[in-house]
Amino acid sequence: MDIRQLIKTLAAREEAVRGEQFLAPCVGGGRVRVSLDGLAYMFRPRPRNFEGWGIFRPVDDATAEVVEAASLPQVARYLRSLKPLRVRLAERLRGQTWLAYPANIEDARQGFGVRGDLQVHLVSGGARFEGAVAYTDGRNWFFGEPDRRADARIAERLRKLLRQGVEPRYITWKGITPETRAAYALATEFAPEFSGGRARRAEEKRLREALALGGGELIEYHEEGANWRVLWQTRYGEAHASTVAKRDLTVVSAGICLSGCDSDFDLQSLVGVVENAWE
């Protein structure tokens, strides 16, 4: 095709897009997308804070205004062209976007390449642990409808356990699936009832990483005011107990004689000092 004819054709397509209304999902803070003859066009929504299913009309090359909210039958017809996946909602992230986990991780892996949690957009009236059917356009997941096959009693039971602060490892009743337990574990990462556990895991990760950089391994630790008392071992399996400052892991007491120079080291560098002394 002649280059001038190609430019003319593309211009005509863009003019056709600007003259038409289209239905599209709009995630809060995102853009809307329409496809014409295999070409995708992206627009900023107006108003900018619109979130939901809408009927849009382009006003220029970069902006499309909301004409009206899409009706339920219109949304249903749109979703019928997409592929569905059963999920369990875990936690609202922002606006109408939720974190969810597949009801069957093997189906999700084989059908969509999903290997864990996913974000589902435009969730209407969702609640923690409710089953839902999500649909994908190949890039994003959108809420379609509640999962009629899901047992509502499981969702209520999980919400009660979450309020009680029950750790995921204790969610072991007969018949519970690994996927349901995974959805519960996702929710605990955000629930205020588990804030202490999250802080504890962050502390432990920090200590483990500092020791690992020096070649050591954490055994256990406990709090001593502004310090941590850390039991750890060298790569040779020799155990040591040291006290370090929480603020920056500076050594308060090395557990071996450093001639009063304990504070010259941090937990990472202490590992090498101890191993050299042992050697």
C-alpha atoms as a PDB file:
ATOM      1  CA  MET A   1       0.000   0.000   0.000  1.00  0.00           C
ATOM      2  CA  ASP A   2       1.180   3.510  -0.844  1.00  0.00           C
ATOM      3  CA  ILE A   3       2.371   5.357   2.284  1.00  0.00           C
ATOM      4  CA  ARG A   4       0.084   8.296   1.555  1.00  0.00           C
ATOM      5  CA  GLN A   5      -2.878   5.979   1.201  1.00  0.00           C
ATOM      6  CA  LEU A   6      -1.943   4.263   4.481  1.00  0.00           C
ATOM      7  CA  ILE A   7      -1.806   7.607   6.298  1.00  0.00           C
ATOM      8  CA  LYS A   8      -5.151   8.548   4.787  1.00  0.00           C
ATOM      9  CA  THR A   9      -6.681   5.253   5.889  1.00  0.00           C
ATOM     10  CA  LEU A  10      -5.387   5.598   9.459  1.00  0.00           C
ATOM     11  CA  ALA A  11      -6.670   9.152   9.648  1.00  0.00           C
ATOM     12  CA  ALA A  12     -10.096   7.984   8.493  1.00  0.00           C
ATOM     13  CA  ARG A  13     -10.122   5.283  11.183  1.00  0.00           C
ATOM     14  CA  GLU A  14      -9.199   7.789  13.876  1.00  0.00           C
ATOM     15  CA  GLU A  15     -11.959  10.097  12.675  1.00  0.00           C
ATOM     16  CA  ALA A  16     -14.395   7.176  12.849  1.00  0.00           C
ATOM     17  CA  VAL A  17     -13.346   6.479  16.440  1.00  0.00           C
ATOM     18  CA  ARG A  18     -13.928  10.119  17.416  1.00  0.00           C
ATOM     19  CA  GLY A  19     -17.395   9.978  15.901  1.00  0.00           C
ATOM     20  CA  GLU A  20     -18.533   6.889  17.780  1.00  0.00           C
ATOM     21  CA  GLN A  21     -19.493   6.034  21.352  1.00  0.00           C
ATOM     22  CA  PHE A  22     -18.049   2.919  22.926  1.00  0.00           C
ATOM     23  CA  LEU A  23     -18.425   0.835  26.068  1.00  0.00           C
ATOM     24  CA  ALA A  24     -15.349   0.197  28.191  1.00  0.00           C
ATOM     25  CA  PRO A  25     -14.280  -0.593  31.759  1.00  0.00           C
ATOM     26  CA  CYS A  26     -12.398   2.182  33.531  1.00  0.00           C
ATOM     27  CA  VAL A  27     -10.198   1.486  36.552  1.00  0.00           C
ATOM     28  CA  GLY A  28      -9.713   4.400  38.936  1.00  0.00           C
ATOM     29  CA  GLY A  29      -6.804   6.534  37.747  1.00  0.00           C
ATOM     30  CA  GLY A  30      -6.465   4.513  34.550  1.00  0.00           C
ATOM     31  CA  ARG A  31      -7.347   4.918  30.880  1.00  0.00           C
ATOM     32  CA  VAL A  32     -10.031   3.486  28.629  1.00  0.00           C
ATOM     33  CA  ARG A  33      -9.284   1.454  25.539  1.00  0.00           C
ATOM     34  CA  VAL A  34     -11.172   0.810  22.323  1.00  0.00           C
ATOM     35  CA  SER A  35     -10.168  -1.338  19.349  1.00  0.00           C
ATOM     36  CA  LEU A  36     -11.077  -0.604  15.730  1.00  0.00           C
ATOM     37  CA  ASP A  37      -9.976  -2.846  12.860  1.00  0.00           C
ATOM     38  CA  GLY A  38      -7.276  -4.375  15.050  1.00  0.00           C
ATOM     39  CA  LEU A  39      -5.847  -1.042  16.170  1.00  0.00           C
ATOM     40  CA  ALA A  40      -6.074  -0.028  19.833  1.00  0.00           C
ATOM     41  CA  TYR A  41      -6.786   3.533  20.929  1.00  0.00           C
ATOM     42  CA  MET A  42      -6.250   4.796  24.499  1.00  0.00           C
ATOM     43  CA  PHE A  43      -8.022   7.753  26.100  1.00  0.00           C
ATOM     44  CA  ARG A  44      -7.980   9.533  29.437  1.00  0.00           C
ATOM     45  CA  PRO A  45     -11.495   9.502  30.895  1.00  0.00           C
ATOM     46  CA  ARG A  46     -13.360  12.706  31.683  1.00  0.00           C
ATOM     47  CA  PRO A  47     -14.115  13.164  34.534  1.00  0.00           C
ATOM     48  CA  ARG A  48     -10.658  11.913  35.516  1.00  0.00           C
ATOM     49  CA  ASN A  49     -11.868  10.216  38.714  1.00  0.00           C
ATOM     50  CA  PHE A  50     -14.478   8.055  36.959  1.00  0.00           C
ATOM     51  CA  GLU A  51     -14.346   4.363  37.937  1.00  0.00           C
ATOM     52  CA  GLY A  52     -16.716   1.773  36.537  1.00  0.00           C
ATOM     53  CA  TRP A  53     -18.309   0.598  33.310  1.00  0.00           C
ATOM     54  CA  GLY A  54     -19.180   3.509  31.069  1.00  0.00           C
ATOM     55  CA  ILE A  55     -20.296   4.629  27.650  1.00  0.00           C
ATOM     56  CA  PHE A  56     -17.604   6.982  26.357  1.00  0.00           C
ATOM     57  CA  ARG A  57     -17.357   9.474  23.502  1.00  0.00           C
ATOM     58  CA  PRO A  58     -13.945  10.721  22.315  1.00  0.00           C
ATOM     59  CA  VAL A  59     -13.596  14.502  22.413  1.00  0.00           C
ATOM     60  CA  ASP A  60     -10.051  14.616  21.006  1.00  0.00           C
ATOM     61  CA  ASP A  61      -7.104  12.310  20.337  1.00  0.00           C
ATOM     62  CA  ALA A  62      -6.357  11.854  24.034  1.00  0.00           C
ATOM     63  CA  THR A  63      -9.624  12.265  25.958  1.00  0.00           C
ATOM     64  CA  ALA A  64     -12.993  10.516  26.074  1.00  0.00           C
ATOM     65  CA  GLU A  65     -15.897  11.808  28.150  1.00  0.00           C
ATOM     66  CA  VAL A  66     -18.394   9.685  30.017  1.00  0.00           C
ATOM     67  CA  VAL A  67     -21.786   9.859  28.332  1.00  0.00           C
ATOM     68  CA  GLU A  68     -23.497   7.611  30.883  1.00  0.00           C
ATOM     69  CA  ALA A  69     -22.892   4.581  33.065  1.00  0.00           C
ATOM     70  CA  ALA A  70     -23.246   1.306  31.190  1.00  0.00           C
ATOM     71  CA  SER A  71     -26.322  -0.786  31.981  1.00  0.00           C
ATOM     72  CA  LEU A  72     -26.074  -4.287  33.442  1.00  0.00           C
ATOM     73  CA  PRO A  73     -27.184  -5.956  30.157  1.00  0.00           C
ATOM     74  CA  GLN A  74     -24.522  -3.966  28.271  1.00  0.00           C
ATOM     75  CA  VAL A  75     -21.819  -5.042  30.723  1.00  0.00           C
ATOM     76  CA  ALA A  76     -23.025  -8.657  30.544  1.00  0.00           C
ATOM     77  CA  ARG A  77     -22.721  -8.644  26.737  1.00  0.00           C
ATOM     78  CA  TYR A  78     -19.201  -7.219  26.984  1.00  0.00           C
ATOM     79  CA  LEU A  79     -18.120  -9.861  29.502  1.00  0.00           C
ATOM     80  CA  ARG A  80     -19.451 -12.710  27.353  1.00  0.00           C
ATOM     81  CA  SER A  81     -16.571 -12.043  24.948  1.00  0.00           C
ATOM     82  CA  LEU A  82     -14.000 -12.548  27.744  1.00  0.00           C
ATOM     83  CA  LYS A  83     -12.751 -15.658  29.548  1.00  0.00           C
ATOM     84  CA  PRO A  84     -14.036 -16.378  33.094  1.00  0.00           C
ATOM     85  CA  LEU A  85     -12.233 -17.639  36.192  1.00  0.00           C
ATOM     86  CA  ARG A  86     -13.696 -18.453  39.607  1.00  0.00           C
ATOM     87  CA  VAL A  87     -11.891 -16.635  42.425  1.00  0.00           C
ATOM     88  CA  ARG A  88     -12.233 -15.832  46.125  1.00  0.00           C
ATOM     89  CA  LEU A  89     -11.939 -12.187  47.147  1.00  0.00           C
ATOM     90  CA  ALA A  90      -9.366 -11.546  49.868  1.00  0.00           C
ATOM     91  CA  GLU A  91      -8.852  -7.816  50.443  1.00  0.00           C
ATOM     92  CA  ARG A  92      -9.910  -4.472  48.987  1.00  0.00           C
ATOM     93  CA  LEU A  93      -6.764  -2.709  47.754  1.00  0.00           C
ATOM     94  CA  ARG A  94      -8.228   0.619  46.611  1.00  0.00           C
ATOM     95  CA  GLY A  95     -11.505   1.857  45.217  1.00  0.00           C
ATOM     96  CA  GLN A  96     -13.183  -1.050  43.416  1.00  0.00           C
ATOM     97  CA  THR A  97      -9.992  -3.107  43.057  1.00  0.00           C
ATOM     98  CA  TRP A  98      -9.627  -6.256  45.163  1.00  0.00           C
ATOM     99  CA  LEU A  99      -6.896  -8.808  45.727  1.00  0.00           C
ATOM    100  CA  ALA A 100      -8.211 -12.302  45.033  1.00  0.00           C
ATOM    101  CA  TYR A 101      -7.058 -15.909  44.776  1.00  0.00           C
ATOM    102  CA  PRO A 102      -8.210 -18.506  42.213  1.00  0.00           C
ATOM    103  CA  ALA A 103     -10.747 -21.058  43.442  1.00  0.00           C
ATOM    104  CA  ASN A 104      -8.714 -23.683  41.578  1.00  0.00           C
ATOM    105  CA  ILE A 105      -5.057 -22.779  41.121  1.00  0.00           C
ATOM    106  CA  GLU A 106      -4.451 -25.562  38.602  1.00  0.00           C
ATOM    107  CA  ASP A 107      -7.243 -24.295  36.335  1.00  0.00           C
ATOM    108  CA  ALA A 108      -5.831 -20.777  36.663  1.00  0.00           C
ATOM    109  CA  ARG A 109      -2.322 -21.935  35.794  1.00  0.00           C
ATOM    110  CA  GLN A 110      -3.313 -24.036  32.796  1.00  0.00           C
ATOM    111  CA  GLY A 111      -5.919 -21.661  31.401  1.00  0.00           C
ATOM    112  CA  PHE A 112      -4.350 -18.270  32.096  1.00  0.00           C
ATOM    113  CA  GLY A 113      -0.800 -18.725  33.362  1.00  0.00           C
ATOM    114  CA  VAL A 114      -1.879 -17.421  36.794  1.00  0.00           C
ATOM    115  CA  ARG A 115       0.225 -18.941  39.571  1.00  0.00           C
ATOM    116  CA  GLY A 116      -0.993 -16.999  42.603  1.00  0.00           C
ATOM    117  CA  ASP A 117      -3.016 -13.986  43.634  1.00  0.00           C
ATOM    118  CA  LEU A 118      -4.422 -11.501  41.134  1.00  0.00           C
ATOM    119  CA  GLN A 119      -6.101  -8.086  41.146  1.00  0.00           C
ATOM    120  CA  VAL A 120      -9.777  -7.950  40.181  1.00  0.00           C
ATOM    121  CA  HIS A 121     -11.129  -4.552  39.122  1.00  0.00           C
ATOM    122  CA  LEU A 122     -14.591  -2.981  39.291  1.00  0.00           C
ATOM    123  CA  VAL A 123     -15.832  -5.221  42.099  1.00  0.00           C
ATOM    124  CA  SER A 124     -19.367  -4.217  42.997  1.00  0.00           C
ATOM    125  CA  GLY A 125     -20.600  -4.956  46.519  1.00  0.00           C
ATOM    126  CA  GLY A 126     -17.810  -7.405  47.314  1.00  0.00           C
ATOM    127  CA  ALA A 127     -16.857  -8.682  50.763  1.00  0.00           C
ATOM    128  CA  ARG A 128     -13.880 -10.584  52.119  1.00  0.00           C
ATOM    129  CA  PHE A 129     -13.748 -14.261  51.144  1.00  0.00           C
ATOM    130  CA  GLU A 130     -16.822 -14.167  48.907  1.00  0.00           C
ATOM    131  CA  GLY A 131     -16.637 -16.220  45.751  1.00  0.00           C
ATOM    132  CA  ALA A 132     -16.748 -14.334  42.463  1.00  0.00           C
ATOM    133  CA  VAL A 133     -16.403 -14.893  38.744  1.00  0.00           C
ATOM    134  CA  ALA A 134     -13.730 -12.666  37.194  1.00  0.00           C
ATOM    135  CA  TYR A 135     -13.189 -12.123  33.466  1.00  0.00           C
ATOM    136  CA  THR A 136      -9.982 -11.234  31.657  1.00  0.00           C
ATOM    137  CA  ASP A 137      -9.273  -9.370  28.449  1.00  0.00           C
ATOM    138  CA  GLY A 138      -5.799 -10.909  28.448  1.00  0.00           C
ATOM    139  CA  ARG A 139      -4.295  -8.086  30.515  1.00  0.00           C
ATOM    140  CA  ASN A 140      -6.717  -7.178  33.298  1.00  0.00           C
ATOM    141  CA  TRP A 141      -9.308  -8.970  35.414  1.00  0.00           C
ATOM    142  CA  PHE A 142     -12.818  -7.585  35.926  1.00  0.00           C
ATOM    143  CA  PHE A 143     -15.566  -8.607  38.322  1.00  0.00           C
ATOM    144  CA  GLY A 144     -18.507 -10.247  36.591  1.00  0.00           C
ATOM    145  CA  GLU A 145     -20.864 -11.676  39.176  1.00  0.00           C
ATOM    146  CA  PRO A 146     -20.911 -13.549  42.508  1.00  0.00           C
ATOM    147  CA  ASP A 147     -19.918 -17.198  42.246  1.00  0.00           C
ATOM    148  CA  ARG A 148     -23.169 -19.086  42.788  1.00  0.00           C
ATOM    149  CA  ARG A 149     -21.225 -22.303  43.305  1.00  0.00           C
ATOM    150  CA  ALA A 150     -19.324 -20.926  46.312  1.00  0.00           C
ATOM    151  CA  ASP A 151     -20.512 -21.805  49.828  1.00  0.00           C
ATOM    152  CA  ALA A 152     -21.423 -18.545  51.593  1.00  0.00           C
ATOM    153  CA  ARG A 153     -20.940 -20.245  54.980  1.00  0.00           C
ATOM    154  CA  ILE A 154     -17.208 -20.606  54.306  1.00  0.00           C
ATOM    155  CA  ALA A 155     -16.855 -16.859  53.717  1.00  0.00           C
ATOM    156  CA  GLU A 156     -18.648 -16.055  56.975  1.00  0.00           C
ATOM    157  CA  ARG A 157     -16.555 -18.566  58.903  1.00  0.00           C
ATOM    158  CA  LEU A 158     -13.323 -17.105  57.531  1.00  0.00           C
ATOM    159  CA  ARG A 159     -14.393 -13.552  58.379  1.00  0.00           C
ATOM    160  CA  LYS A 160     -15.083 -14.643  61.962  1.00  0.00           C
ATOM    161  CA  LEU A 161     -11.678 -16.327  62.251  1.00  0.00           C
ATOM    162  CA  LEU A 162      -9.983 -13.231  60.832  1.00  0.00           C
ATOM    163  CA  ARG A 163     -11.656 -11.023  63.444  1.00  0.00           C
ATOM    164  CA  GLN A 164     -10.399 -13.417  66.113  1.00  0.00           C
ATOM    165  CA  GLY A 165      -6.840 -13.140  64.780  1.00  0.00           C
ATOM    166  CA  VAL A 166      -6.444 -16.870  63.997  1.00  0.00           C
ATOM    167  CA  GLU A 167      -3.199 -17.582  62.135  1.00  0.00           C
ATOM    168  CA  PRO A 168      -3.493 -19.187  58.655  1.00  0.00           C
ATOM    169  CA  ARG A 169      -1.666 -22.341  59.764  1.00  0.00           C
ATOM    170  CA  TYR A 170      -4.589 -23.126  62.086  1.00  0.00           C
ATOM    171  CA  ILE A 171      -7.202 -22.954  59.324  1.00  0.00           C
ATOM    172  CA  THR A 172      -7.370 -26.717  58.890  1.00  0.00           C
ATOM    173  CA  TRP A 173     -10.970 -27.875  59.102  1.00  0.00           C
ATOM    174  CA  LYS A 174     -11.974 -30.935  57.100  1.00  0.00           C
ATOM    175  CA  GLY A 175     -12.594 -30.155  53.443  1.00  0.00           C
ATOM    176  CA  ILE A 176     -10.938 -26.752  53.283  1.00  0.00           C
ATOM    177  CA  THR A 177      -8.963 -26.302  50.068  1.00  0.00           C
ATOM    178  CA  PRO A 178      -5.394 -24.979  49.795  1.00  0.00           C
ATOM    179  CA  GLU A 179      -6.783 -22.134  47.671  1.00  0.00           C
ATOM    180  CA  THR A 180      -9.206 -21.055  50.415  1.00  0.00           C
ATOM    181  CA  ARG A 181      -6.385 -21.100  52.960  1.00  0.00           C
ATOM    182  CA  ALA A 182      -4.238 -19.037  50.565  1.00  0.00           C
ATOM    183  CA  ALA A 183      -7.007 -16.427  50.240  1.00  0.00           C
ATOM    184  CA  TYR A 184      -7.207 -16.235  54.040  1.00  0.00           C
ATOM    185  CA  ALA A 185      -3.430 -15.824  54.294  1.00  0.00           C
ATOM    186  CA  LEU A 186      -3.605 -12.934  51.781  1.00  0.00           C
ATOM    187  CA  ALA A 187      -6.176 -11.165  53.947  1.00  0.00           C
ATOM    188  CA  THR A 188      -4.018 -11.493  57.057  1.00  0.00           C
ATOM    189  CA  GLU A 189      -1.309  -9.456  55.309  1.00  0.00           C
ATOM    190  CA  PHE A 190      -3.633  -6.440  55.519  1.00  0.00           C
ATOM    191  CA  ALA A 191      -5.895  -7.056  58.526  1.00  0.00           C
ATOM    192  CA  PRO A 192      -5.098  -4.893  61.592  1.00  0.00           C
ATOM    193  CA  GLU A 193      -5.550  -7.958  63.801  1.00  0.00           C
ATOM    194  CA  PHE A 194      -2.299  -9.302  62.334  1.00  0.00           C
ATOM    195  CA  SER A 195      -0.197  -6.124  62.443  1.00  0.00           C
ATOM    196  CA  GLY A 196       1.981  -7.549  65.223  1.00  0.00           C
ATOM    197  CA  GLY A 197       2.700 -10.667  63.199  1.00  0.00           C
ATOM    198  CA  ARG A 198       3.651  -8.610  60.137  1.00  0.00           C
ATOM    199  CA  ALA A 199       6.058  -6.537  62.210  1.00  0.00           C
ATOM    200  CA  ARG A 200       7.576  -9.701  63.646  1.00  0.00           C
ATOM    201  CA  ARG A 201       8.083 -11.177  60.179  1.00  0.00           C
ATOM    202  CA  ALA A 202       9.713  -7.950  58.980  1.00  0.00           C
ATOM    203  CA  GLU A 203      12.099  -7.986  61.949  1.00  0.00           C
ATOM    204  CA  GLU A 204      13.010 -11.607  61.362  1.00  0.00           C
ATOM    205  CA  LYS A 205      13.596 -11.011  57.651  1.00  0.00           C
ATOM    206  CA  ARG A 206      15.905  -8.092  58.451  1.00  0.00           C
ATOM    207  CA  LEU A 207      17.997 -10.171  60.854  1.00  0.00           C
ATOM    208  CA  ARG A 208      18.108 -13.198  58.540  1.00  0.00           C
ATOM    209  CA  GLU A 209      19.252 -11.101  55.580  1.00  0.00           C
ATOM    210  CA  ALA A 210      21.964  -9.334  57.597  1.00  0.00           C
ATOM    211  CA  LEU A 211      23.344 -12.631  58.870  1.00  0.00           C
ATOM    212  CA  ALA A 212      23.082 -14.304  55.458  1.00  0.00           C
ATOM    213  CA  LEU A 213      25.137 -11.536  53.830  1.00  0.00           C
ATOM    214  CA  GLY A 214      27.941 -12.396  56.229  1.00  0.00           C
ATOM    215  CA  GLY A 215      27.457 -16.143  55.805  1.00  0.00           C
ATOM    216  CA  GLY A 216      25.580 -16.758  59.063  1.00  0.00           C
ATOM    217  CA  GLU A 217      22.119 -18.138  59.864  1.00  0.00           C
ATOM    218  CA  LEU A 218      19.475 -16.980  62.331  1.00  0.00           C
ATOM    219  CA  ILE A 219      18.317 -19.484  64.950  1.00  0.00           C
ATOM    220  CA  GLU A 220      16.036 -17.279  67.080  1.00  0.00           C
ATOM    221  CA  TYR A 221      15.848 -13.842  68.650  1.00  0.00           C
ATOM    222  CA  HIS A 222      13.969 -11.906  71.331  1.00  0.00           C
ATOM    223  CA  GLU A 223      13.489  -8.282  72.324  1.00  0.00           C
ATOM    224  CA  GLU A 224      15.512  -6.532  75.016  1.00  0.00           C
ATOM    225  CA  GLY A 225      14.240  -2.943  75.120  1.00  0.00           C
ATOM    226  CA  ALA A 226      15.958  -1.011  72.319  1.00  0.00           C
ATOM    227  CA  ASN A 227      17.997  -4.100  71.372  1.00  0.00           C
ATOM    228  CA  TRP A 228      17.588  -7.636  70.074  1.00  0.00           C
ATOM    229  CA  ARG A 229      19.254 -10.649  71.625  1.00  0.00           C
ATOM    230  CA  VAL A 230      20.129 -12.800  68.611  1.00  0.00           C
ATOM    231  CA  LEU A 231      21.034 -16.477  68.631  1.00  0.00           C
ATOM    232  CA  TRP A 232      22.752 -17.374  65.378  1.00  0.00           C
ATOM    233  CA  GLN A 233      25.253 -19.796  63.899  1.00  0.00           C
ATOM    234  CA  THR A 234      28.227 -19.611  61.565  1.00  0.00           C
ATOM    235  CA  ARG A 235      28.496 -21.555  58.339  1.00  0.00           C
ATOM    236  CA  TYR A 236      30.397 -24.156  60.343  1.00  0.00           C
ATOM    237  CA  GLY A 237      27.418 -24.685  62.675  1.00  0.00           C
ATOM    238  CA  GLU A 238      28.953 -22.925  65.691  1.00  0.00           C
ATOM    239  CA  ALA A 239      26.246 -21.117  67.713  1.00  0.00           C
ATOM    240  CA  HIS A 240      26.683 -17.605  69.151  1.00  0.00           C
ATOM    241  CA  ALA A 241      24.498 -15.170  71.082  1.00  0.00           C
ATOM    242  CA  SER A 242      24.935 -11.447  70.363  1.00  0.00           C
ATOM    243  CA  THR A 243      23.031  -8.286  71.251  1.00  0.00           C
ATOM    244  CA  VAL A 244      22.442  -5.702  68.535  1.00  0.00           C
ATOM    245  CA  ALA A 245      20.651  -2.350  68.380  1.00  0.00           C
ATOM    246  CA  LYS A 246      17.271  -2.417  66.656  1.00  0.00           C
ATOM    247  CA  ARG A 247      17.939   0.913  64.950  1.00  0.00           C
ATOM    248  CA  ASP A 248      20.874  -0.092  62.750  1.00  0.00           C
ATOM    249  CA  LEU A 249      21.963  -3.574  63.965  1.00  0.00           C
ATOM    250  CA  THR A 250      25.113  -2.130  65.532  1.00  0.00           C
ATOM    251  CA  VAL A 251      26.684  -4.651  67.914  1.00  0.00           C
ATOM    252  CA  VAL A 252      26.074  -3.896  71.604  1.00  0.00           C
ATOM    253  CA  SER A 253      27.566  -7.138  72.871  1.00  0.00           C
ATOM    254  CA  ALA A 254      29.281  -9.505  70.454  1.00  0.00           C
ATOM    255  CA  GLY A 255      29.358 -12.547  72.702  1.00  0.00           C
ATOM    256  CA  ILE A 256      33.120 -12.812  72.217  1.00  0.00           C
ATOM    257  CA  CYS A 257      35.930 -10.541  73.385  1.00  0.00           C
ATOM    258  CA  LEU A 258      36.439  -7.648  70.979  1.00  0.00           C
ATOM    259  CA  SER A 259      38.514  -5.541  73.383  1.00  0.00           C
ATOM    260  CA  GLY A 260      35.730  -3.010  73.842  1.00  0.00           C
ATOM    261  CA  CYS A 261      35.313  -2.484  70.094  1.00  0.00           C
ATOM    262  CA  ASP A 262      31.902  -4.173  69.827  1.00  0.00           C
ATOM    263  CA  SER A 263      30.194  -1.042  68.496  1.00  0.00           C
ATOM    264  CA  ASP A 264      32.647  -0.890  65.577  1.00  0.00           C
ATOM    265  CA  PHE A 265      30.731  -3.766  63.984  1.00  0.00           C
ATOM    266  CA  ASP A 266      27.208  -4.491  62.864  1.00  0.00           C
ATOM    267  CA  LEU A 267      25.505  -7.891  62.713  1.00  0.00           C
ATOM    268  CA  GLN A 268      26.636  -8.604  59.151  1.00  0.00           C
ATOM    269  CA  SER A 269      30.327  -7.835  59.738  1.00  0.00           C
ATOM    270  CA  LEU A 270      30.277  -9.622  63.106  1.00  0.00           C
ATOM    271  CA  VAL A 271      29.773 -12.953  61.363  1.00  0.00           C
ATOM    272  CA  GLY A 272      33.135 -12.676  59.615  1.00  0.00           C
ATOM    273  CA  VAL A 273      34.899 -11.610  62.815  1.00  0.00           C
ATOM    274  CA  VAL A 274      33.529 -14.574  64.739  1.00  0.00           C
ATOM    275  CA  GLU A 275      34.369 -17.036  61.964  1.00  0.00           C
ATOM    276  CA  ASN A 276      37.945 -15.719  61.720  1.00  0.00           C
ATOM    277  CA  ALA A 277      38.312 -16.049  65.491  1.00  0.00           C
ATOM    278  CA  TRP A 278      36.970 -19.611  65.355  1.00  0.00           C
ATOM    279  CA  GLU A 279      39.322 -20.538  62.524  1.00  0.00           C
END
